[in-house]
Amino acid sequence: MEAAEEEIEAAVCEGYAEGYKAAMLQYAPDAAAYKATSDALRKELEAERTKNRYFWPSIGASAGLSLVAGFLIHSWAVR
């Protein structure tokens, strides 16, 4: 029984290794194209992040300043 289990395990491992090799040979030429596409998309994403870096902080700053101005005007009008 143990011998059969060992043979089955060896056959599964060998089949996996053969399938892995076949897939690597089949898809290796495409890997360079996928890598180039990935690098290009990563550069575009970084450019967009850099371009929009100051947008959200400016929204927060303007909201804060508007709130302060509102309190100042209100306190001036109440006097």
PDB file of N, CA and C in Angstrom:
ATOM      1  N   MET A   1       0.815  -1.184   0.000  1.00  0.00           N
ATOM      2  CA  MET A   1       0.000   0.000   0.000  1.00  0.00           C
ATOM      3  C   MET A   1       0.869   1.262   0.000  1.00  0.00           C
ATOM      4  N   GLU A   2       1.902   1.266   0.831  1.00  0.00           N
ATOM      5  CA  GLU A   2       2.794   2.424   0.890  1.00  0.00           C
ATOM      6  C   GLU A   2       3.533   2.620  -0.428  1.00  0.00           C
ATOM      7  N   ALA A   3       3.906   1.525  -1.059  1.00  0.00           N
ATOM      8  CA  ALA A   3       4.618   1.608  -2.329  1.00  0.00           C
ATOM      9  C   ALA A   3       3.712   2.246  -3.392  1.00  0.00           C
ATOM     10  N   ALA A   4       2.451   1.883  -3.379  1.00  0.00           N
ATOM     11  CA  ALA A   4       1.507   2.452  -4.347  1.00  0.00           C
ATOM     12  C   ALA A   4       1.342   3.959  -4.105  1.00  0.00           C
ATOM     13  N   GLU A   5       1.259   4.355  -2.835  1.00  0.00           N
ATOM     14  CA  GLU A   5       1.128   5.774  -2.515  1.00  0.00           C
ATOM     15  C   GLU A   5       2.354   6.555  -2.956  1.00  0.00           C
ATOM     16  N   GLU A   6       3.532   5.984  -2.768  1.00  0.00           N
ATOM     17  CA  GLU A   6       4.772   6.646  -3.188  1.00  0.00           C
ATOM     18  C   GLU A   6       4.820   6.799  -4.702  1.00  0.00           C
ATOM     19  N   GLU A   7       4.378   5.737  -5.423  1.00  0.00           N
ATOM     20  CA  GLU A   7       4.359   5.810  -6.876  1.00  0.00           C
ATOM     21  C   GLU A   7       3.361   6.863  -7.363  1.00  0.00           C
ATOM     22  N   ILE A   8       2.220   6.923  -6.719  1.00  0.00           N
ATOM     23  CA  ILE A   8       1.218   7.924  -7.097  1.00  0.00           C
ATOM     24  C   ILE A   8       1.753   9.325  -6.846  1.00  0.00           C
ATOM     25  N   GLU A   9       2.374   9.529  -5.695  1.00  0.00           N
ATOM     26  CA  GLU A   9       2.937  10.842  -5.369  1.00  0.00           C
ATOM     27  C   GLU A   9       4.032  11.234  -6.358  1.00  0.00           C
ATOM     28  N   ALA A  10       4.886  10.280  -6.724  1.00  0.00           N
ATOM     29  CA  ALA A  10       5.945  10.559  -7.688  1.00  0.00           C
ATOM     30  C   ALA A  10       5.352  10.891  -9.060  1.00  0.00           C
ATOM     31  N   ALA A  11       4.310  10.174  -9.462  1.00  0.00           N
ATOM     32  CA  ALA A  11       3.677  10.429 -10.754  1.00  0.00           C
ATOM     33  C   ALA A  11       3.013  11.804 -10.775  1.00  0.00           C
ATOM     34  N   VAL A  12       2.385  12.188  -9.683  1.00  0.00           N
ATOM     35  CA  VAL A  12       1.739  13.499  -9.612  1.00  0.00           C
ATOM     36  C   VAL A  12       2.787  14.600  -9.681  1.00  0.00           C
ATOM     37  N   CYS A  13       3.864  14.440  -8.923  1.00  0.00           N
ATOM     38  CA  CYS A  13       4.929  15.444  -8.940  1.00  0.00           C
ATOM     39  C   CYS A  13       5.557  15.561 -10.325  1.00  0.00           C
ATOM     40  N   GLU A  14       5.783  14.438 -10.969  1.00  0.00           N
ATOM     41  CA  GLU A  14       6.375  14.448 -12.307  1.00  0.00           C
ATOM     42  C   GLU A  14       5.422  15.091 -13.316  1.00  0.00           C
ATOM     43  N   GLY A  15       4.144  14.778 -13.229  1.00  0.00           N
ATOM     44  CA  GLY A  15       3.155  15.376 -14.128  1.00  0.00           C
ATOM     45  C   GLY A  15       3.055  16.877 -13.929  1.00  0.00           C
ATOM     46  N   TYR A  16       3.112  17.305 -12.674  1.00  0.00           N
ATOM     47  CA  TYR A  16       3.076  18.736 -12.388  1.00  0.00           C
ATOM     48  C   TYR A  16       4.291  19.432 -12.979  1.00  0.00           C
ATOM     49  N   ALA A  17       5.461  18.832 -12.799  1.00  0.00           N
ATOM     50  CA  ALA A  17       6.687  19.432 -13.320  1.00  0.00           C
ATOM     51  C   ALA A  17       6.649  19.512 -14.847  1.00  0.00           C
ATOM     52  N   GLU A  18       6.149  18.483 -15.503  1.00  0.00           N
ATOM     53  CA  GLU A  18       6.060  18.498 -16.965  1.00  0.00           C
ATOM     54  C   GLU A  18       5.067  19.566 -17.441  1.00  0.00           C
ATOM     55  N   GLY A  19       3.947  19.679 -16.766  1.00  0.00           N
ATOM     56  CA  GLY A  19       2.960  20.695 -17.133  1.00  0.00           C
ATOM     57  C   GLY A  19       3.504  22.099 -16.906  1.00  0.00           C
ATOM     58  N   TYR A  20       4.244  22.277 -15.828  1.00  0.00           N
ATOM     59  CA  TYR A  20       4.832  23.579 -15.534  1.00  0.00           C
ATOM     60  C   TYR A  20       5.836  23.964 -16.608  1.00  0.00           C
ATOM     61  N   LYS A  21       6.681  23.008 -17.000  1.00  0.00           N
ATOM     62  CA  LYS A  21       7.664  23.275 -18.058  1.00  0.00           C
ATOM     63  C   LYS A  21       6.968  23.626 -19.372  1.00  0.00           C
ATOM     64  N   ALA A  22       5.926  22.877 -19.718  1.00  0.00           N
ATOM     65  CA  ALA A  22       5.206  23.133 -20.965  1.00  0.00           C
ATOM     66  C   ALA A  22       4.572  24.524 -20.946  1.00  0.00           C
ATOM     67  N   ALA A  23       3.996  24.906 -19.825  1.00  0.00           N
ATOM     68  CA  ALA A  23       3.375  26.233 -19.728  1.00  0.00           C
ATOM     69  C   ALA A  23       4.427  27.327 -19.818  1.00  0.00           C
ATOM     70  N   MET A  24       5.558  27.121 -19.190  1.00  0.00           N
ATOM     71  CA  MET A  24       6.617  28.126 -19.240  1.00  0.00           C
ATOM     72  C   MET A  24       7.128  28.301 -20.670  1.00  0.00           C
ATOM     73  N   LEU A  25       7.280  27.208 -21.386  1.00  0.00           N
ATOM     74  CA  LEU A  25       7.739  27.306 -22.770  1.00  0.00           C
ATOM     75  C   LEU A  25       6.691  27.970 -23.654  1.00  0.00           C
ATOM     76  N   GLN A  26       5.426  27.710 -23.373  1.00  0.00           N
ATOM     77  CA  GLN A  26       4.359  28.260 -24.199  1.00  0.00           C
ATOM     78  C   GLN A  26       4.169  29.752 -23.949  1.00  0.00           C
ATOM     79  N   TYR A  27       4.245  30.168 -22.701  1.00  0.00           N
ATOM     80  CA  TYR A  27       3.920  31.552 -22.368  1.00  0.00           C
ATOM     81  C   TYR A  27       5.131  32.442 -22.119  1.00  0.00           C
ATOM     82  N   ALA A  28       6.327  31.930 -22.203  1.00  0.00           N
ATOM     83  CA  ALA A  28       7.529  32.738 -21.971  1.00  0.00           C
ATOM     84  C   ALA A  28       7.656  33.894 -22.975  1.00  0.00           C
ATOM     85  N   PRO A  29       7.373  33.699 -24.255  1.00  0.00           N
ATOM     86  CA  PRO A  29       7.470  34.839 -25.179  1.00  0.00           C
ATOM     87  C   PRO A  29       6.485  35.958 -24.839  1.00  0.00           C
ATOM     88  N   ASP A  30       5.319  35.610 -24.321  1.00  0.00           N
ATOM     89  CA  ASP A  30       4.332  36.626 -23.955  1.00  0.00           C
ATOM     90  C   ASP A  30       4.716  37.367 -22.682  1.00  0.00           C
ATOM     91  N   ALA A  31       5.555  36.786 -21.872  1.00  0.00           N
ATOM     92  CA  ALA A  31       5.910  37.394 -20.587  1.00  0.00           C
ATOM     93  C   ALA A  31       6.584  38.749 -20.784  1.00  0.00           C
ATOM     94  N   ALA A  32       7.416  38.877 -21.782  1.00  0.00           N
ATOM     95  CA  ALA A  32       8.090  40.157 -22.032  1.00  0.00           C
ATOM     96  C   ALA A  32       7.073  41.233 -22.426  1.00  0.00           C
ATOM     97  N   ALA A  33       6.112  40.857 -23.240  1.00  0.00           N
ATOM     98  CA  ALA A  33       5.076  41.814 -23.642  1.00  0.00           C
ATOM     99  C   ALA A  33       4.235  42.232 -22.438  1.00  0.00           C
ATOM    100  N   TYR A  34       3.882  41.266 -21.577  1.00  0.00           N
ATOM    101  CA  TYR A  34       3.108  41.587 -20.383  1.00  0.00           C
ATOM    102  C   TYR A  34       3.907  42.476 -19.437  1.00  0.00           C
ATOM    103  N   LYS A  35       5.178  42.236 -19.325  1.00  0.00           N
ATOM    104  CA  LYS A  35       6.041  43.041 -18.465  1.00  0.00           C
ATOM    105  C   LYS A  35       6.113  44.476 -18.992  1.00  0.00           C
ATOM    106  N   ALA A  36       6.270  44.636 -20.307  1.00  0.00           N
ATOM    107  CA  ALA A  36       6.328  45.970 -20.908  1.00  0.00           C
ATOM    108  C   ALA A  36       5.008  46.715 -20.703  1.00  0.00           C
ATOM    109  N   THR A  37       3.898  46.024 -20.875  1.00  0.00           N
ATOM    110  CA  THR A  37       2.590  46.643 -20.659  1.00  0.00           C
ATOM    111  C   THR A  37       2.424  47.047 -19.201  1.00  0.00           C
ATOM    112  N   SER A  38       2.846  46.185 -18.307  1.00  0.00           N
ATOM    113  CA  SER A  38       2.753  46.482 -16.886  1.00  0.00           C
ATOM    114  C   SER A  38       3.586  47.704 -16.512  1.00  0.00           C
ATOM    115  N   ASP A  39       4.789  47.792 -17.040  1.00  0.00           N
ATOM    116  CA  ASP A  39       5.650  48.945 -16.755  1.00  0.00           C
ATOM    117  C   ASP A  39       5.049  50.238 -17.304  1.00  0.00           C
ATOM    118  N   ALA A  40       4.482  50.176 -18.499  1.00  0.00           N
ATOM    119  CA  ALA A  40       3.867  51.363 -19.094  1.00  0.00           C
ATOM    120  C   ALA A  40       2.662  51.824 -18.273  1.00  0.00           C
ATOM    121  N   LEU A  41       1.835  50.879 -17.837  1.00  0.00           N
ATOM    122  CA  LEU A  41       0.674  51.240 -17.026  1.00  0.00           C
ATOM    123  C   LEU A  41       1.097  51.791 -15.668  1.00  0.00           C
ATOM    124  N   ARG A  42       2.161  51.240 -15.120  1.00  0.00           N
ATOM    125  CA  ARG A  42       2.657  51.731 -13.828  1.00  0.00           C
ATOM    126  C   ARG A  42       3.148  53.181 -13.959  1.00  0.00           C
ATOM    127  N   LYS A  43       3.820  53.498 -15.067  1.00  0.00           N
ATOM    128  CA  LYS A  43       4.292  54.869 -15.292  1.00  0.00           C
ATOM    129  C   LYS A  43       3.119  55.829 -15.475  1.00  0.00           C
ATOM    130  N   GLU A  44       2.083  55.400 -16.210  1.00  0.00           N
ATOM    131  CA  GLU A  44       0.899  56.237 -16.390  1.00  0.00           C
ATOM    132  C   GLU A  44       0.199  56.496 -15.061  1.00  0.00           C
ATOM    133  N   LEU A  45       0.087  55.465 -14.240  1.00  0.00           N
ATOM    134  CA  LEU A  45      -0.550  55.615 -12.944  1.00  0.00           C
ATOM    135  C   LEU A  45       0.221  56.585 -12.063  1.00  0.00           C
ATOM    136  N   GLU A  46       1.531  56.482 -12.058  1.00  0.00           N
ATOM    137  CA  GLU A  46       2.346  57.400 -11.258  1.00  0.00           C
ATOM    138  C   GLU A  46       2.223  58.834 -11.766  1.00  0.00           C
ATOM    139  N   ALA A  47       2.126  59.010 -13.080  1.00  0.00           N
ATOM    140  CA  ALA A  47       1.946  60.349 -13.639  1.00  0.00           C
ATOM    141  C   ALA A  47       0.601  60.937 -13.206  1.00  0.00           C
ATOM    142  N   GLU A  48      -0.456  60.125 -13.205  1.00  0.00           N
ATOM    143  CA  GLU A  48      -1.768  60.596 -12.762  1.00  0.00           C
ATOM    144  C   GLU A  48      -1.751  60.938 -11.280  1.00  0.00           C
ATOM    145  N   ARG A  49      -1.085  60.120 -10.481  1.00  0.00           N
ATOM    146  CA  ARG A  49      -1.004  60.408  -9.051  1.00  0.00           C
ATOM    147  C   ARG A  49      -0.252  61.703  -8.800  1.00  0.00           C
ATOM    148  N   THR A  50       0.808  61.939  -9.558  1.00  0.00           N
ATOM    149  CA  THR A  50       1.579  63.165  -9.399  1.00  0.00           C
ATOM    150  C   THR A  50       0.756  64.373  -9.822  1.00  0.00           C
ATOM    151  N   LYS A  51       0.009  64.219 -10.900  1.00  0.00           N
ATOM    152  CA  LYS A  51      -0.787  65.329 -11.422  1.00  0.00           C
ATOM    153  C   LYS A  51      -1.882  65.728 -10.427  1.00  0.00           C
ATOM    154  N   ASN A  52      -2.484  64.764  -9.757  1.00  0.00           N
ATOM    155  CA  ASN A  52      -3.592  65.030  -8.844  1.00  0.00           C
ATOM    156  C   ASN A  52      -3.159  65.102  -7.382  1.00  0.00           C
ATOM    157  N   ARG A  53      -1.896  65.259  -7.138  1.00  0.00           N
ATOM    158  CA  ARG A  53      -1.383  65.212  -5.770  1.00  0.00           C
ATOM    159  C   ARG A  53      -1.934  66.340  -4.904  1.00  0.00           C
ATOM    160  N   TYR A  54      -2.148  67.523  -5.460  1.00  0.00           N
ATOM    161  CA  TYR A  54      -2.554  68.673  -4.664  1.00  0.00           C
ATOM    162  C   TYR A  54      -4.057  68.938  -4.706  1.00  0.00           C
ATOM    163  N   PHE A  55      -4.817  68.135  -5.397  1.00  0.00           N
ATOM    164  CA  PHE A  55      -6.251  68.376  -5.541  1.00  0.00           C
ATOM    165  C   PHE A  55      -6.989  68.217  -4.219  1.00  0.00           C
ATOM    166  N   TRP A  56      -6.882  67.047  -3.576  1.00  0.00           N
ATOM    167  CA  TRP A  56      -7.631  66.787  -2.350  1.00  0.00           C
ATOM    168  C   TRP A  56      -7.171  67.650  -1.180  1.00  0.00           C
ATOM    169  N   PRO A  57      -5.873  67.893  -0.991  1.00  0.00           N
ATOM    170  CA  PRO A  57      -5.495  68.812   0.089  1.00  0.00           C
ATOM    171  C   PRO A  57      -6.040  70.225  -0.123  1.00  0.00           C
ATOM    172  N   SER A  58      -6.121  70.675  -1.372  1.00  0.00           N
ATOM    173  CA  SER A  58      -6.667  72.017  -1.613  1.00  0.00           C
ATOM    174  C   SER A  58      -8.157  72.062  -1.290  1.00  0.00           C
ATOM    175  N   ILE A  59      -8.876  70.985  -1.532  1.00  0.00           N
ATOM    176  CA  ILE A  59     -10.298  70.928  -1.171  1.00  0.00           C
ATOM    177  C   ILE A  59     -10.442  71.045   0.345  1.00  0.00           C
ATOM    178  N   GLY A  60      -9.614  70.300   1.078  1.00  0.00           N
ATOM    179  CA  GLY A  60      -9.674  70.357   2.535  1.00  0.00           C
ATOM    180  C   GLY A  60      -9.305  71.730   3.069  1.00  0.00           C
ATOM    181  N   ALA A  61      -8.282  72.341   2.493  1.00  0.00           N
ATOM    182  CA  ALA A  61      -7.854  73.668   2.946  1.00  0.00           C
ATOM    183  C   ALA A  61      -8.939  74.708   2.668  1.00  0.00           C
ATOM    184  N   SER A  62      -9.553  74.651   1.512  1.00  0.00           N
ATOM    185  CA  SER A  62     -10.596  75.635   1.202  1.00  0.00           C
ATOM    186  C   SER A  62     -11.818  75.427   2.094  1.00  0.00           C
ATOM    187  N   ALA A  63     -12.153  74.186   2.406  1.00  0.00           N
ATOM    188  CA  ALA A  63     -13.282  73.935   3.305  1.00  0.00           C
ATOM    189  C   ALA A  63     -12.973  74.469   4.700  1.00  0.00           C
ATOM    190  N   GLY A  64     -11.761  74.247   5.172  1.00  0.00           N
ATOM    191  CA  GLY A  64     -11.372  74.746   6.485  1.00  0.00           C
ATOM    192  C   GLY A  64     -11.378  76.267   6.548  1.00  0.00           C
ATOM    193  N   LEU A  65     -10.841  76.898   5.539  1.00  0.00           N
ATOM    194  CA  LEU A  65     -10.833  78.362   5.504  1.00  0.00           C
ATOM    195  C   LEU A  65     -12.240  78.931   5.396  1.00  0.00           C
ATOM    196  N   SER A  66     -13.106  78.268   4.652  1.00  0.00           N
ATOM    197  CA  SER A  66     -14.497  78.711   4.553  1.00  0.00           C
ATOM    198  C   SER A  66     -15.191  78.607   5.909  1.00  0.00           C
ATOM    199  N   LEU A  67     -14.916  77.542   6.638  1.00  0.00           N
ATOM    200  CA  LEU A  67     -15.494  77.367   7.968  1.00  0.00           C
ATOM    201  C   LEU A  67     -15.022  78.467   8.909  1.00  0.00           C
ATOM    202  N   VAL A  68     -13.739  78.758   8.904  1.00  0.00           N
ATOM    203  CA  VAL A  68     -13.189  79.820   9.745  1.00  0.00           C
ATOM    204  C   VAL A  68     -13.784  81.163   9.358  1.00  0.00           C
ATOM    205  N   ALA A  69     -13.878  81.438   8.074  1.00  0.00           N
ATOM    206  CA  ALA A  69     -14.463  82.699   7.618  1.00  0.00           C
ATOM    207  C   ALA A  69     -15.924  82.800   8.047  1.00  0.00           C
ATOM    208  N   GLY A  70     -16.652  81.723   7.975  1.00  0.00           N
ATOM    209  CA  GLY A  70     -18.048  81.719   8.403  1.00  0.00           C
ATOM    210  C   GLY A  70     -18.181  82.024   9.886  1.00  0.00           C
ATOM    211  N   PHE A  71     -17.319  81.411  10.709  1.00  0.00           N
ATOM    212  CA  PHE A  71     -17.353  81.709  12.141  1.00  0.00           C
ATOM    213  C   PHE A  71     -16.989  83.161  12.420  1.00  0.00           C
ATOM    214  N   LEU A  72     -16.007  83.684  11.719  1.00  0.00           N
ATOM    215  CA  LEU A  72     -15.615  85.075  11.928  1.00  0.00           C
ATOM    216  C   LEU A  72     -16.725  86.039  11.526  1.00  0.00           C
ATOM    217  N   ILE A  73     -17.363  85.778  10.403  1.00  0.00           N
ATOM    218  CA  ILE A  73     -18.450  86.644   9.952  1.00  0.00           C
ATOM    219  C   ILE A  73     -19.625  86.543  10.913  1.00  0.00           C
ATOM    220  N   HIS A  74     -19.917  85.343  11.377  1.00  0.00           N
ATOM    221  CA  HIS A  74     -21.013  85.156  12.311  1.00  0.00           C
ATOM    222  C   HIS A  74     -20.735  85.877  13.629  1.00  0.00           C
ATOM    223  N   SER A  75     -19.519  85.737  14.139  1.00  0.00           N
ATOM    224  CA  SER A  75     -19.197  86.395  15.401  1.00  0.00           C
ATOM    225  C   SER A  75     -19.177  87.916  15.235  1.00  0.00           C
ATOM    226  N   TRP A  76     -18.849  88.418  14.075  1.00  0.00           N
ATOM    227  CA  TRP A  76     -18.851  89.866  13.817  1.00  0.00           C
ATOM    228  C   TRP A  76     -20.280  90.380  13.711  1.00  0.00           C
ATOM    229  N   ALA A  77     -21.166  89.577  13.082  1.00  0.00           N
ATOM    230  CA  ALA A  77     -22.536  89.992  12.877  1.00  0.00           C
ATOM    231  C   ALA A  77     -23.335  89.952  14.179  1.00  0.00           C
ATOM    232  N   VAL A  78     -22.963  89.098  15.110  1.00  0.00           N
ATOM    233  CA  VAL A  78     -23.694  88.945  16.361  1.00  0.00           C
ATOM    234  C   VAL A  78     -23.430  90.140  17.280  1.00  0.00           C
ATOM    235  N   ARG A  79     -22.299  90.787  17.169  1.00  0.00           N
ATOM    236  CA  ARG A  79     -21.946  91.905  18.066  1.00  0.00           C
ATOM    237  C   ARG A  79     -22.847  93.008  17.884  1.00  0.00           C
TER     238      ARG A  79
END
